All heavy atoms as atom14 arrays in JSON, in Angstrom:
{
  "sequence": "DQEQCIGVVFCDVTGLKRMNDQKGHLEGDRLIVDSSKCLKEVFGDYGL",
  "atom14_mask": [
    [1, 1, 1, 1, 1, 1, 1, 1, 0, 0, 0, 0, 0, 0],
    [1, 1, 1, 1, 1, 1, 1, 1, 1, 0, 0, 0, 0, 0],
    [1, 1, 1, 1, 1, 1, 1, 1, 1, 0, 0, 0, 0, 0],
    [1, 1, 1, 1, 1, 1, 1, 1, 1, 0, 0, 0, 0, 0],
    [1, 1, 1, 1, 1, 1, 0, 0, 0, 0, 0, 0, 0, 0],
    [1, 1, 1, 1, 1, 1, 1, 1, 0, 0, 0, 0, 0, 0],
    [1, 1, 1, 1, 0, 0, 0, 0, 0, 0, 0, 0, 0, 0],
    [1, 1, 1, 1, 1, 1, 1, 0, 0, 0, 0, 0, 0, 0],
    [1, 1, 1, 1, 1, 1, 1, 0, 0, 0, 0, 0, 0, 0],
    [1, 1, 1, 1, 1, 1, 1, 1, 1, 1, 1, 0, 0, 0],
    [1, 1, 1, 1, 1, 1, 0, 0, 0, 0, 0, 0, 0, 0],
    [1, 1, 1, 1, 1, 1, 1, 1, 0, 0, 0, 0, 0, 0],
    [1, 1, 1, 1, 1, 1, 1, 0, 0, 0, 0, 0, 0, 0],
    [1, 1, 1, 1, 1, 1, 1, 0, 0, 0, 0, 0, 0, 0],
    [1, 1, 1, 1, 0, 0, 0, 0, 0, 0, 0, 0, 0, 0],
    [1, 1, 1, 1, 1, 1, 1, 1, 0, 0, 0, 0, 0, 0],
    [1, 1, 1, 1, 1, 1, 1, 1, 1, 0, 0, 0, 0, 0],
    [1, 1, 1, 1, 1, 1, 1, 1, 1, 1, 1, 0, 0, 0],
    [1, 1, 1, 1, 1, 1, 1, 1, 0, 0, 0, 0, 0, 0],
    [1, 1, 1, 1, 1, 1, 1, 1, 0, 0, 0, 0, 0, 0],
    [1, 1, 1, 1, 1, 1, 1, 1, 0, 0, 0, 0, 0, 0],
    [1, 1, 1, 1, 1, 1, 1, 1, 1, 0, 0, 0, 0, 0],
    [1, 1, 1, 1, 1, 1, 1, 1, 1, 0, 0, 0, 0, 0],
    [1, 1, 1, 1, 0, 0, 0, 0, 0, 0, 0, 0, 0, 0],
    [1, 1, 1, 1, 1, 1, 1, 1, 1, 1, 0, 0, 0, 0],
    [1, 1, 1, 1, 1, 1, 1, 1, 0, 0, 0, 0, 0, 0],
    [1, 1, 1, 1, 1, 1, 1, 1, 1, 0, 0, 0, 0, 0],
    [1, 1, 1, 1, 0, 0, 0, 0, 0, 0, 0, 0, 0, 0],
    [1, 1, 1, 1, 1, 1, 1, 1, 0, 0, 0, 0, 0, 0],
    [1, 1, 1, 1, 1, 1, 1, 1, 1, 1, 1, 0, 0, 0],
    [1, 1, 1, 1, 1, 1, 1, 1, 0, 0, 0, 0, 0, 0],
    [1, 1, 1, 1, 1, 1, 1, 1, 0, 0, 0, 0, 0, 0],
    [1, 1, 1, 1, 1, 1, 1, 0, 0, 0, 0, 0, 0, 0],
    [1, 1, 1, 1, 1, 1, 1, 1, 0, 0, 0, 0, 0, 0],
    [1, 1, 1, 1, 1, 1, 0, 0, 0, 0, 0, 0, 0, 0],
    [1, 1, 1, 1, 1, 1, 0, 0, 0, 0, 0, 0, 0, 0],
    [1, 1, 1, 1, 1, 1, 1, 1, 1, 0, 0, 0, 0, 0],
    [1, 1, 1, 1, 1, 1, 0, 0, 0, 0, 0, 0, 0, 0],
    [1, 1, 1, 1, 1, 1, 1, 1, 0, 0, 0, 0, 0, 0],
    [1, 1, 1, 1, 1, 1, 1, 1, 1, 0, 0, 0, 0, 0],
    [1, 1, 1, 1, 1, 1, 1, 1, 1, 0, 0, 0, 0, 0],
    [1, 1, 1, 1, 1, 1, 1, 0, 0, 0, 0, 0, 0, 0],
    [1, 1, 1, 1, 1, 1, 1, 1, 1, 1, 1, 0, 0, 0],
    [1, 1, 1, 1, 0, 0, 0, 0, 0, 0, 0, 0, 0, 0],
    [1, 1, 1, 1, 1, 1, 1, 1, 0, 0, 0, 0, 0, 0],
    [1, 1, 1, 1, 1, 1, 1, 1, 1, 1, 1, 1, 0, 0],
    [1, 1, 1, 1, 0, 0, 0, 0, 0, 0, 0, 0, 0, 0],
    [1, 1, 1, 1, 1, 1, 1, 1, 0, 0, 0, 0, 0, 0]
  ],
  "atom14_positions": [
    [[87.05, 128.04, 132.25], [86.22, 128.9, 133.1], [86.17, 128.29, 134.51], [85.65, 127.2, 134.7], [84.81, 128.99, 132.51], [83.92, 129.97, 133.28], [84.28, 130.34, 134.41], [82.86, 130.34, 132.74], [0.0, 0.0, 0.0], [0.0, 0.0, 0.0], [0.0, 0.0, 0.0], [0.0, 0.0, 0.0], [0.0, 0.0, 0.0], [0.0, 0.0, 0.0]],
    [[86.68, 129.02, 135.48], [86.77, 128.5, 136.83], [85.41, 128.26, 137.47], [85.29, 127.5, 138.43], [87.6, 129.45, 137.71], [89.04, 129.59, 137.26], [89.84, 130.49, 138.18], [89.35, 130.96, 139.2], [91.1, 130.73, 137.81], [0.0, 0.0, 0.0], [0.0, 0.0, 0.0], [0.0, 0.0, 0.0], [0.0, 0.0, 0.0], [0.0, 0.0, 0.0]],
    [[84.38, 128.9, 136.96], [83.05, 128.75, 137.55], [82.29, 127.55, 136.99], [81.23, 127.2, 137.5], [82.23, 130.03, 137.31], [82.84, 131.28, 137.91], [83.06, 131.14, 139.42], [82.16, 130.61, 140.1], [84.13, 131.57, 139.9], [0.0, 0.0, 0.0], [0.0, 0.0, 0.0], [0.0, 0.0, 0.0], [0.0, 0.0, 0.0], [0.0, 0.0, 0.0]],
    [[82.82, 126.92, 135.96], [82.13, 125.81, 135.32], [82.58, 124.47, 135.93], [83.65, 124.36, 136.52], [82.42, 125.8, 133.82], [81.9, 127.03, 133.08], [80.38, 127.04, 133.0], [79.74, 126.01, 133.13], [79.81, 128.22, 132.79], [0.0, 0.0, 0.0], [0.0, 0.0, 0.0], [0.0, 0.0, 0.0], [0.0, 0.0, 0.0], [0.0, 0.0, 0.0]],
    [[81.72, 123.45, 135.77], [82.08, 122.1, 136.22], [83.15, 121.52, 135.29], [83.34, 121.99, 134.17], [80.84, 121.2, 136.24], [79.97, 121.08, 134.66], [0.0, 0.0, 0.0], [0.0, 0.0, 0.0], [0.0, 0.0, 0.0], [0.0, 0.0, 0.0], [0.0, 0.0, 0.0], [0.0, 0.0, 0.0], [0.0, 0.0, 0.0], [0.0, 0.0, 0.0]],
    [[83.83, 120.49, 135.78], [84.9, 119.88, 134.98], [85.09, 118.42, 135.38], [84.93, 118.05, 136.54], [86.23, 120.65, 135.15], [87.29, 120.13, 134.15], [86.74, 120.57, 136.58], [88.54, 120.96, 134.09], [0.0, 0.0, 0.0], [0.0, 0.0, 0.0], [0.0, 0.0, 0.0], [0.0, 0.0, 0.0], [0.0, 0.0, 0.0], [0.0, 0.0, 0.0]],
    [[85.43, 117.62, 134.39], [85.8, 116.24, 134.62], [87.21, 116.0, 134.13], [87.62, 116.55, 133.11], [0.0, 0.0, 0.0], [0.0, 0.0, 0.0], [0.0, 0.0, 0.0], [0.0, 0.0, 0.0], [0.0, 0.0, 0.0], [0.0, 0.0, 0.0], [0.0, 0.0, 0.0], [0.0, 0.0, 0.0], [0.0, 0.0, 0.0], [0.0, 0.0, 0.0]],
    [[87.98, 115.17, 134.87], [89.37, 114.87, 134.5], [89.56, 113.36, 134.42], [89.11, 112.63, 135.31], [90.36, 115.46, 135.53], [91.79, 115.01, 135.21], [90.28, 116.98, 135.54], [0.0, 0.0, 0.0], [0.0, 0.0, 0.0], [0.0, 0.0, 0.0], [0.0, 0.0, 0.0], [0.0, 0.0, 0.0], [0.0, 0.0, 0.0], [0.0, 0.0, 0.0]],
    [[90.21, 112.91, 133.35], [90.56, 111.5, 133.19], [92.08, 111.41, 133.15], [92.73, 112.09, 132.35], [89.97, 110.92, 131.9], [90.26, 109.41, 131.81], [88.47, 111.18, 131.81], [0.0, 0.0, 0.0], [0.0, 0.0, 0.0], [0.0, 0.0, 0.0], [0.0, 0.0, 0.0], [0.0, 0.0, 0.0], [0.0, 0.0, 0.0], [0.0, 0.0, 0.0]],
    [[92.64, 110.57, 134.01], [94.1, 110.4, 134.06], [94.4, 108.94, 133.72], [93.89, 108.03, 134.36], [94.64, 110.73, 135.46], [96.07, 111.15, 135.48], [96.42, 112.45, 135.78], [97.09, 110.24, 135.19], [97.76, 112.85, 135.8], [98.41, 110.62, 135.21], [98.76, 111.93, 135.51], [0.0, 0.0, 0.0], [0.0, 0.0, 0.0], [0.0, 0.0, 0.0]],
    [[95.22, 108.72, 132.7], [95.49, 107.36, 132.21], [96.98, 107.05, 132.25], [97.82, 107.95, 132.08], [95.0, 107.2, 130.77], [93.29, 107.63, 130.5], [0.0, 0.0, 0.0], [0.0, 0.0, 0.0], [0.0, 0.0, 0.0], [0.0, 0.0, 0.0], [0.0, 0.0, 0.0], [0.0, 0.0, 0.0], [0.0, 0.0, 0.0], [0.0, 0.0, 0.0]],
    [[97.28, 105.77, 132.45], [98.67, 105.3, 132.4], [98.72, 104.02, 131.58], [97.94, 103.09, 131.8], [99.19, 105.02, 133.81], [100.65, 104.59, 133.81], [100.91, 103.4, 133.58], [101.51, 105.46, 134.02], [0.0, 0.0, 0.0], [0.0, 0.0, 0.0], [0.0, 0.0, 0.0], [0.0, 0.0, 0.0], [0.0, 0.0, 0.0], [0.0, 0.0, 0.0]],
    [[99.62, 104.0, 130.6], [99.77, 102.82, 129.74], [100.56, 101.77, 130.53], [101.77, 101.88, 130.67], [100.49, 103.17, 128.43], [100.56, 101.93, 127.53], [99.79, 104.32, 127.72], [0.0, 0.0, 0.0], [0.0, 0.0, 0.0], [0.0, 0.0, 0.0], [0.0, 0.0, 0.0], [0.0, 0.0, 0.0], [0.0, 0.0, 0.0], [0.0, 0.0, 0.0]],
    [[99.88, 100.78, 131.04], [100.55, 99.76, 131.86], [101.31, 98.77, 130.98], [100.92, 98.47, 129.86], [99.52, 99.0, 132.71], [98.5, 98.48, 131.86], [98.88, 99.92, 133.74], [0.0, 0.0, 0.0], [0.0, 0.0, 0.0], [0.0, 0.0, 0.0], [0.0, 0.0, 0.0], [0.0, 0.0, 0.0], [0.0, 0.0, 0.0], [0.0, 0.0, 0.0]],
    [[102.41, 98.3, 131.5], [103.21, 97.31, 130.78], [104.04, 97.87, 129.66], [104.54, 97.11, 128.82], [0.0, 0.0, 0.0], [0.0, 0.0, 0.0], [0.0, 0.0, 0.0], [0.0, 0.0, 0.0], [0.0, 0.0, 0.0], [0.0, 0.0, 0.0], [0.0, 0.0, 0.0], [0.0, 0.0, 0.0], [0.0, 0.0, 0.0], [0.0, 0.0, 0.0]],
    [[104.21, 99.21, 129.61], [104.94, 99.8, 128.49], [106.42, 99.42, 128.51], [106.99, 99.06, 127.48], [104.8, 101.33, 128.51], [105.53, 102.09, 127.41], [105.03, 101.68, 126.03], [105.38, 103.61, 127.6], [0.0, 0.0, 0.0], [0.0, 0.0, 0.0], [0.0, 0.0, 0.0], [0.0, 0.0, 0.0], [0.0, 0.0, 0.0], [0.0, 0.0, 0.0]],
    [[107.05, 99.45, 129.7], [108.47, 99.13, 129.76], [108.71, 97.67, 129.36], [109.66, 97.36, 128.63], [109.01, 99.38, 131.16], [110.52, 99.16, 131.26], [111.06, 99.46, 132.63], [112.58, 99.38, 132.64], [113.09, 98.07, 132.2], [0.0, 0.0, 0.0], [0.0, 0.0, 0.0], [0.0, 0.0, 0.0], [0.0, 0.0, 0.0], [0.0, 0.0, 0.0]],
    [[107.83, 96.78, 129.84], [107.99, 95.36, 129.49], [107.85, 95.15, 127.99], [108.6, 94.4, 127.37], [106.94, 94.53, 130.23], [107.16, 93.02, 130.11], [106.17, 92.23, 130.94], [104.85, 92.22, 130.34], [103.83, 92.96, 130.73], [103.99, 93.82, 131.73], [102.66, 92.89, 130.13], [0.0, 0.0, 0.0], [0.0, 0.0, 0.0], [0.0, 0.0, 0.0]],
    [[106.92, 95.89, 127.38], [106.72, 95.79, 125.93], [107.97, 96.3, 125.2], [108.44, 95.68, 124.23], [105.5, 96.6, 125.51], [105.23, 96.59, 124.01], [104.72, 94.99, 123.38], [103.02, 94.94, 123.99], [0.0, 0.0, 0.0], [0.0, 0.0, 0.0], [0.0, 0.0, 0.0], [0.0, 0.0, 0.0], [0.0, 0.0, 0.0], [0.0, 0.0, 0.0]],
    [[108.5, 97.45, 125.64], [109.71, 98.0, 125.01], [110.88, 97.03, 125.13], [111.66, 96.83, 124.18], [110.08, 99.33, 125.64], [109.16, 100.47, 125.21], [108.56, 100.41, 124.14], [109.05, 101.49, 126.05], [0.0, 0.0, 0.0], [0.0, 0.0, 0.0], [0.0, 0.0, 0.0], [0.0, 0.0, 0.0], [0.0, 0.0, 0.0], [0.0, 0.0, 0.0]],
    [[111.03, 96.41, 126.31], [112.16, 95.51, 126.55], [112.03, 94.21, 125.77], [113.02, 93.69, 125.24], [112.27, 95.21, 128.05], [112.7, 96.43, 128.86], [113.19, 97.39, 128.24], [112.53, 96.42, 130.09], [0.0, 0.0, 0.0], [0.0, 0.0, 0.0], [0.0, 0.0, 0.0], [0.0, 0.0, 0.0], [0.0, 0.0, 0.0], [0.0, 0.0, 0.0]],
    [[110.82, 93.67, 125.7], [110.63, 92.34, 125.1], [110.43, 92.39, 123.59], [110.9, 91.52, 122.87], [109.45, 91.63, 125.77], [109.67, 91.31, 127.24], [108.46, 90.64, 127.88], [107.45, 90.41, 127.23], [108.58, 90.31, 129.16], [0.0, 0.0, 0.0], [0.0, 0.0, 0.0], [0.0, 0.0, 0.0], [0.0, 0.0, 0.0], [0.0, 0.0, 0.0]],
    [[109.7, 93.43, 123.1], [109.35, 93.44, 121.68], [109.87, 94.67, 120.92], [109.64, 94.79, 119.71], [107.83, 93.35, 121.52], [107.25, 92.04, 122.05], [105.78, 91.92, 121.72], [105.23, 90.57, 122.19], [103.78, 90.4, 121.84], [0.0, 0.0, 0.0], [0.0, 0.0, 0.0], [0.0, 0.0, 0.0], [0.0, 0.0, 0.0], [0.0, 0.0, 0.0]],
    [[110.5, 95.58, 121.64], [111.07, 96.75, 120.97], [110.19, 97.98, 121.09], [108.99, 97.9, 121.38], [0.0, 0.0, 0.0], [0.0, 0.0, 0.0], [0.0, 0.0, 0.0], [0.0, 0.0, 0.0], [0.0, 0.0, 0.0], [0.0, 0.0, 0.0], [0.0, 0.0, 0.0], [0.0, 0.0, 0.0], [0.0, 0.0, 0.0], [0.0, 0.0, 0.0]],
    [[110.8, 99.12, 120.82], [110.09, 100.4, 121.01], [108.99, 100.64, 119.98], [108.05, 101.39, 120.24], [111.1, 101.55, 120.99], [111.91, 101.64, 122.25], [111.49, 102.3, 123.37], [113.13, 101.12, 122.57], [112.38, 102.21, 124.32], [113.41, 101.49, 123.86], [0.0, 0.0, 0.0], [0.0, 0.0, 0.0], [0.0, 0.0, 0.0], [0.0, 0.0, 0.0]],
    [[109.09, 100.04, 118.81], [108.01, 100.19, 117.83], [106.72, 99.6, 118.36], [105.63, 100.18, 118.2], [108.4, 99.52, 116.5], [109.43, 100.26, 115.65], [109.74, 99.44, 114.38], [108.94, 101.64, 115.27], [0.0, 0.0, 0.0], [0.0, 0.0, 0.0], [0.0, 0.0, 0.0], [0.0, 0.0, 0.0], [0.0, 0.0, 0.0], [0.0, 0.0, 0.0]],
    [[106.81, 98.45, 119.01], [105.61, 97.86, 119.61], [105.15, 98.68, 120.81], [103.95, 98.8, 121.06], [105.91, 96.41, 120.04], [105.98, 95.43, 118.89], [104.67, 95.38, 118.11], [103.61, 95.18, 118.73], [104.72, 95.56, 116.88], [0.0, 0.0, 0.0], [0.0, 0.0, 0.0], [0.0, 0.0, 0.0], [0.0, 0.0, 0.0], [0.0, 0.0, 0.0]],
    [[106.11, 99.25, 121.54], [105.74, 100.12, 122.65], [105.0, 101.35, 122.16], [104.01, 101.79, 122.76], [0.0, 0.0, 0.0], [0.0, 0.0, 0.0], [0.0, 0.0, 0.0], [0.0, 0.0, 0.0], [0.0, 0.0, 0.0], [0.0, 0.0, 0.0], [0.0, 0.0, 0.0], [0.0, 0.0, 0.0], [0.0, 0.0, 0.0], [0.0, 0.0, 0.0]],
    [[105.48, 101.92, 121.03], [104.79, 103.08, 120.45], [103.38, 102.7, 120.0], [102.44, 103.49, 120.17], [105.59, 103.61, 119.25], [106.86, 104.34, 119.67], [107.01, 104.62, 120.88], [107.69, 104.62, 118.8], [0.0, 0.0, 0.0], [0.0, 0.0, 0.0], [0.0, 0.0, 0.0], [0.0, 0.0, 0.0], [0.0, 0.0, 0.0], [0.0, 0.0, 0.0]],
    [[103.24, 101.5, 119.45], [101.91, 101.06, 119.01], [100.96, 100.97, 120.21], [99.78, 101.32, 120.11], [102.0, 99.72, 118.31], [100.67, 99.22, 117.74], [100.78, 97.8, 117.22], [101.13, 96.87, 118.3], [100.24, 96.42, 119.18], [98.98, 96.81, 119.14], [100.64, 95.57, 120.12], [0.0, 0.0, 0.0], [0.0, 0.0, 0.0], [0.0, 0.0, 0.0]],
    [[101.47, 100.52, 121.34], [100.66, 100.42, 122.55], [100.19, 101.8, 123.0], [99.03, 101.99, 123.4], [101.48, 99.76, 123.67], [100.76, 99.43, 124.97], [99.59, 98.5, 124.73], [101.75, 98.81, 125.97], [0.0, 0.0, 0.0], [0.0, 0.0, 0.0], [0.0, 0.0, 0.0], [0.0, 0.0, 0.0], [0.0, 0.0, 0.0], [0.0, 0.0, 0.0]],
    [[101.08, 102.79, 122.93], [100.71, 104.17, 123.3], [99.65, 104.7, 122.34], [98.66, 105.32, 122.76], [101.96, 105.08, 123.28], [102.95, 104.64, 124.36], [101.56, 106.53, 123.49], [104.29, 105.35, 124.29], [0.0, 0.0, 0.0], [0.0, 0.0, 0.0], [0.0, 0.0, 0.0], [0.0, 0.0, 0.0], [0.0, 0.0, 0.0], [0.0, 0.0, 0.0]],
    [[99.84, 104.48, 121.03], [98.89, 104.96, 120.04], [97.51, 104.31, 120.25], [96.47, 104.98, 120.2], [99.41, 104.69, 118.61], [98.32, 104.98, 117.58], [100.64, 105.55, 118.33], [0.0, 0.0, 0.0], [0.0, 0.0, 0.0], [0.0, 0.0, 0.0], [0.0, 0.0, 0.0], [0.0, 0.0, 0.0], [0.0, 0.0, 0.0], [0.0, 0.0, 0.0]],
    [[97.49, 102.99, 120.47], [96.22, 102.3, 120.68], [95.51, 102.83, 121.94], [94.28, 102.96, 121.95], [96.45, 100.79, 120.84], [96.85, 100.13, 119.52], [96.66, 100.77, 118.47], [97.35, 98.98, 119.55], [0.0, 0.0, 0.0], [0.0, 0.0, 0.0], [0.0, 0.0, 0.0], [0.0, 0.0, 0.0], [0.0, 0.0, 0.0], [0.0, 0.0, 0.0]],
    [[96.29, 103.14, 122.96], [95.71, 103.69, 124.19], [95.1, 105.07, 123.94], [94.01, 105.38, 124.42], [96.78, 103.78, 125.28], [97.29, 102.5, 125.6], [0.0, 0.0, 0.0], [0.0, 0.0, 0.0], [0.0, 0.0, 0.0], [0.0, 0.0, 0.0], [0.0, 0.0, 0.0], [0.0, 0.0, 0.0], [0.0, 0.0, 0.0], [0.0, 0.0, 0.0]],
    [[95.81, 105.9, 123.17], [95.28, 107.24, 122.87], [94.03, 107.16, 122.01], [93.12, 107.99, 122.15], [96.34, 108.09, 122.17], [96.61, 107.62, 120.85], [0.0, 0.0, 0.0], [0.0, 0.0, 0.0], [0.0, 0.0, 0.0], [0.0, 0.0, 0.0], [0.0, 0.0, 0.0], [0.0, 0.0, 0.0], [0.0, 0.0, 0.0], [0.0, 0.0, 0.0]],
    [[93.94, 106.16, 121.15], [92.74, 105.98, 120.33], [91.53, 105.67, 121.2], [90.41, 106.12, 120.91], [92.95, 104.86, 119.31], [93.87, 105.23, 118.16], [94.03, 104.07, 117.19], [94.93, 104.46, 116.02], [95.15, 103.3, 115.1], [0.0, 0.0, 0.0], [0.0, 0.0, 0.0], [0.0, 0.0, 0.0], [0.0, 0.0, 0.0], [0.0, 0.0, 0.0]],
    [[91.72, 104.9, 122.28], [90.63, 104.63, 123.21], [90.11, 105.93, 123.82], [88.9, 106.16, 123.9], [91.1, 103.69, 124.32], [91.38, 101.99, 123.82], [0.0, 0.0, 0.0], [0.0, 0.0, 0.0], [0.0, 0.0, 0.0], [0.0, 0.0, 0.0], [0.0, 0.0, 0.0], [0.0, 0.0, 0.0], [0.0, 0.0, 0.0], [0.0, 0.0, 0.0]],
    [[91.05, 106.77, 124.24], [90.67, 108.05, 124.85], [89.97, 108.95, 123.84], [88.97, 109.62, 124.15], [91.92, 108.73, 125.41], [91.72, 109.76, 126.53], [90.98, 109.15, 127.7], [93.07, 110.32, 126.96], [0.0, 0.0, 0.0], [0.0, 0.0, 0.0], [0.0, 0.0, 0.0], [0.0, 0.0, 0.0], [0.0, 0.0, 0.0], [0.0, 0.0, 0.0]],
    [[90.48, 108.95, 122.6], [89.86, 109.76, 121.54], [88.44, 109.3, 121.25], [87.54, 110.11, 121.01], [90.69, 109.69, 120.26], [92.01, 110.43, 120.28], [92.74, 110.23, 118.95], [94.11, 110.83, 118.94], [94.84, 110.59, 117.67], [0.0, 0.0, 0.0], [0.0, 0.0, 0.0], [0.0, 0.0, 0.0], [0.0, 0.0, 0.0], [0.0, 0.0, 0.0]],
    [[88.24, 108.0, 121.24], [86.93, 107.44, 120.9], [85.85, 107.91, 121.85], [84.71, 108.17, 121.44], [87.01, 105.91, 120.91], [85.76, 105.2, 120.45], [85.48, 105.4, 118.97], [86.45, 105.65, 118.22], [84.29, 105.33, 118.58], [0.0, 0.0, 0.0], [0.0, 0.0, 0.0], [0.0, 0.0, 0.0], [0.0, 0.0, 0.0], [0.0, 0.0, 0.0]],
    [[86.18, 108.05, 123.13], [85.18, 108.39, 124.14], [85.18, 109.87, 124.51], [84.14, 110.48, 124.69], [85.39, 107.54, 125.4], [84.32, 107.85, 126.45], [85.38, 106.05, 125.06], [0.0, 0.0, 0.0], [0.0, 0.0, 0.0], [0.0, 0.0, 0.0], [0.0, 0.0, 0.0], [0.0, 0.0, 0.0], [0.0, 0.0, 0.0], [0.0, 0.0, 0.0]],
    [[86.38, 110.49, 124.59], [86.48, 111.89, 125.05], [87.11, 112.79, 123.98], [87.68, 113.83, 124.29], [87.31, 111.96, 126.33], [86.64, 111.38, 127.54], [86.95, 110.11, 127.98], [85.68, 112.12, 128.23], [86.33, 109.57, 129.1], [85.06, 111.59, 129.35], [85.36, 110.31, 129.79], [0.0, 0.0, 0.0], [0.0, 0.0, 0.0], [0.0, 0.0, 0.0]],
    [[86.99, 112.4, 122.72], [87.64, 113.14, 121.65], [87.15, 114.55, 121.43], [87.82, 115.36, 120.8], [0.0, 0.0, 0.0], [0.0, 0.0, 0.0], [0.0, 0.0, 0.0], [0.0, 0.0, 0.0], [0.0, 0.0, 0.0], [0.0, 0.0, 0.0], [0.0, 0.0, 0.0], [0.0, 0.0, 0.0], [0.0, 0.0, 0.0], [0.0, 0.0, 0.0]],
    [[85.96, 114.87, 121.96], [85.43, 116.23, 121.79], [85.88, 117.17, 122.92], [85.39, 118.29, 123.03], [83.91, 116.21, 121.7], [83.25, 115.38, 122.8], [83.94, 114.56, 123.41], [82.04, 115.55, 123.01], [0.0, 0.0, 0.0], [0.0, 0.0, 0.0], [0.0, 0.0, 0.0], [0.0, 0.0, 0.0], [0.0, 0.0, 0.0], [0.0, 0.0, 0.0]],
    [[86.78, 116.69, 123.76], [87.35, 117.52, 124.83], [88.87, 117.63, 124.64], [89.4, 117.21, 123.62], [86.99, 116.93, 126.2], [85.52, 117.08, 126.54], [84.64, 116.01, 126.36], [85.02, 118.29, 127.02], [83.29, 116.15, 126.66], [83.67, 118.42, 127.33], [82.82, 117.36, 127.14], [81.48, 117.51, 127.44], [0.0, 0.0, 0.0], [0.0, 0.0, 0.0]],
    [[89.57, 118.17, 125.63], [91.01, 118.35, 125.52], [91.77, 117.09, 125.88], [91.64, 116.59, 127.01], [0.0, 0.0, 0.0], [0.0, 0.0, 0.0], [0.0, 0.0, 0.0], [0.0, 0.0, 0.0], [0.0, 0.0, 0.0], [0.0, 0.0, 0.0], [0.0, 0.0, 0.0], [0.0, 0.0, 0.0], [0.0, 0.0, 0.0], [0.0, 0.0, 0.0]],
    [[92.55, 116.56, 124.94], [93.32, 115.34, 125.16], [94.81, 115.65, 125.08], [95.25, 116.37, 124.18], [92.97, 114.28, 124.12], [91.49, 113.91, 123.96], [91.34, 112.79, 122.94], [90.88, 113.51, 125.28], [0.0, 0.0, 0.0], [0.0, 0.0, 0.0], [0.0, 0.0, 0.0], [0.0, 0.0, 0.0], [0.0, 0.0, 0.0], [0.0, 0.0, 0.0]]
  ]
}
């Protein structure tokens, strides 16, 4: 609804490339999942 107030959160998983290069993509995926869990924990009742 364009007439309603809105809040936006923009996140970036820092160090993802270094994690993928040093420990592999499985660890990089785990980093992404852990980051999304943080967002779910606080803003899970909105659009993620």
